[in-house]
Amino acid sequence: MALARKGARRIAVDGEEYRWRVTRQHWCCDYEGTTLGYAAEHATHPGTTLVVDTGRPTLRTPGAVATDLVLPREVAAGIRAARANGWTPATPGPPLTLHLSAA
């Protein structure tokens, strides 16, 4: 599964180029679409997509005080955490899901 190029942003993490975008797709976060997430993949050799569920509420969550904002430093930290846990972005395979704390 590859990310759509339209709307994706580029980020360099530890000398490697990646593309990422905020997503609220069912394959990302909870099925009600109330948590914020993003997906990332290698920019030049997309293989396995990284799907990160931040655990933070979106503005669609009733009574939530949140923003639909994911900062590049957060994406870089998620990519580093996934790489430390064995994510190989250039290798084909099913999406890897990483659940982060809302703290």
Protein backbone atom coordinates (compact mmCIF):
# COMPACT_ATOMS: atom_id res chain seq x y z
CA MET A 1 0.00 0.00 0.00
CA ALA A 2 1.54 3.28 -1.07
CA LEU A 3 0.69 6.80 -0.02
CA ALA A 4 -0.92 9.10 -2.52
CA ARG A 5 1.65 11.66 -3.62
CA LYS A 6 -0.90 14.45 -3.56
CA GLY A 7 -0.96 16.01 -0.11
CA ALA A 8 2.11 14.12 1.14
CA ARG A 9 5.00 16.03 2.69
CA ARG A 10 8.67 15.14 2.53
CA ILE A 11 10.87 14.75 5.60
CA ALA A 12 14.50 13.72 6.07
CA VAL A 13 15.24 11.52 9.08
CA ASP A 14 18.80 10.43 9.79
CA GLY A 15 19.84 10.98 6.17
CA GLU A 16 16.89 9.11 4.61
CA GLU A 17 14.00 10.77 2.75
CA TYR A 18 10.40 9.86 3.63
CA ARG A 19 6.93 11.02 2.60
CA TRP A 20 4.15 11.40 5.16
CA ARG A 21 0.60 12.66 5.52
CA VAL A 22 -2.00 12.99 8.25
CA THR A 23 -4.73 10.42 7.89
CA ARG A 24 -7.97 9.42 9.52
CA GLN A 25 -8.50 6.29 7.45
CA HIS A 26 -10.00 3.18 9.03
CA TRP A 27 -6.75 1.28 8.52
CA CYS A 28 -5.02 3.88 10.67
CA CYS A 29 -6.79 4.68 13.85
CA ASP A 30 -10.00 3.75 15.63
CA TYR A 31 -13.01 3.05 13.48
CA GLU A 32 -14.94 6.10 14.65
CA GLY A 33 -12.24 8.40 13.29
CA THR A 34 -11.73 10.09 16.65
CA THR A 35 -7.96 9.68 16.97
CA LEU A 36 -5.33 11.45 14.95
CA GLY A 37 -2.79 9.49 12.95
CA TYR A 38 -0.32 9.71 10.11
CA ALA A 39 1.26 7.41 7.57
CA ALA A 40 4.84 7.45 6.29
CA GLU A 41 6.88 5.62 3.69
CA HIS A 42 10.33 5.76 2.14
CA ALA A 43 10.39 8.51 -0.51
CA THR A 44 12.39 6.74 -3.22
CA HIS A 45 11.84 3.04 -2.45
CA PRO A 46 8.37 2.72 -0.93
CA GLY A 47 7.74 -0.71 0.51
CA THR A 48 6.15 -1.15 3.91
CA THR A 49 4.00 1.78 5.01
CA LEU A 50 4.27 2.97 8.60
CA VAL A 51 0.92 3.85 10.17
CA VAL A 52 1.09 5.79 13.43
CA ASP A 53 -1.88 6.24 15.75
CA THR A 54 -1.01 9.18 18.02
CA GLY A 55 -3.81 8.43 20.47
CA ARG A 56 -4.73 12.12 20.44
CA PRO A 57 -8.33 13.11 19.79
CA THR A 58 -9.36 14.99 16.67
CA LEU A 59 -11.80 17.86 16.63
CA ARG A 60 -14.50 15.35 15.66
CA THR A 61 -14.38 13.84 19.14
CA PRO A 62 -17.27 15.30 21.19
CA GLY A 63 -15.94 17.62 23.90
CA ALA A 64 -12.34 17.25 22.78
CA VAL A 65 -9.93 20.14 22.81
CA ALA A 66 -7.46 19.18 20.12
CA THR A 67 -6.02 20.19 16.79
CA ASP A 68 -5.52 18.18 13.64
CA LEU A 69 -1.87 19.15 13.77
CA VAL A 70 1.02 16.74 13.46
CA LEU A 71 4.43 18.40 13.62
CA PRO A 72 7.39 17.19 11.54
CA ARG A 73 9.41 16.53 14.72
CA GLU A 74 6.64 14.16 15.85
CA VAL A 75 6.79 12.34 12.51
CA ALA A 76 10.59 12.08 12.76
CA ALA A 77 10.28 10.64 16.27
CA GLY A 78 7.69 8.11 15.07
CA ILE A 79 9.92 7.04 12.18
CA ARG A 80 12.89 6.63 14.52
CA ALA A 81 10.79 4.58 16.97
CA ALA A 82 9.55 2.35 14.16
CA ARG A 83 13.08 1.85 12.79
CA ALA A 84 14.25 0.93 16.31
CA ASN A 85 11.43 -1.64 16.45
CA GLY A 86 12.47 -3.28 13.18
CA TRP A 87 10.54 -1.35 10.50
CA THR A 88 12.29 -1.70 7.15
CA PRO A 89 10.59 0.88 4.92
CA ALA A 90 12.09 -0.27 1.61
CA THR A 91 11.00 -3.90 2.07
CA PRO A 92 7.58 -4.82 0.67
CA GLY A 93 5.02 -5.97 3.19
CA PRO A 94 1.83 -5.13 5.03
CA PRO A 95 1.55 -1.77 6.83
CA LEU A 96 3.24 -1.60 10.22
CA THR A 97 1.06 0.04 12.87
CA LEU A 98 2.66 1.93 15.74
CA HIS A 99 0.48 3.09 18.63
CA LEU A 100 1.81 6.07 20.54
CA SER A 101 0.66 7.34 23.91
CA ALA A 102 -1.62 10.37 24.05
CA ALA A 103 0.62 11.78 26.80
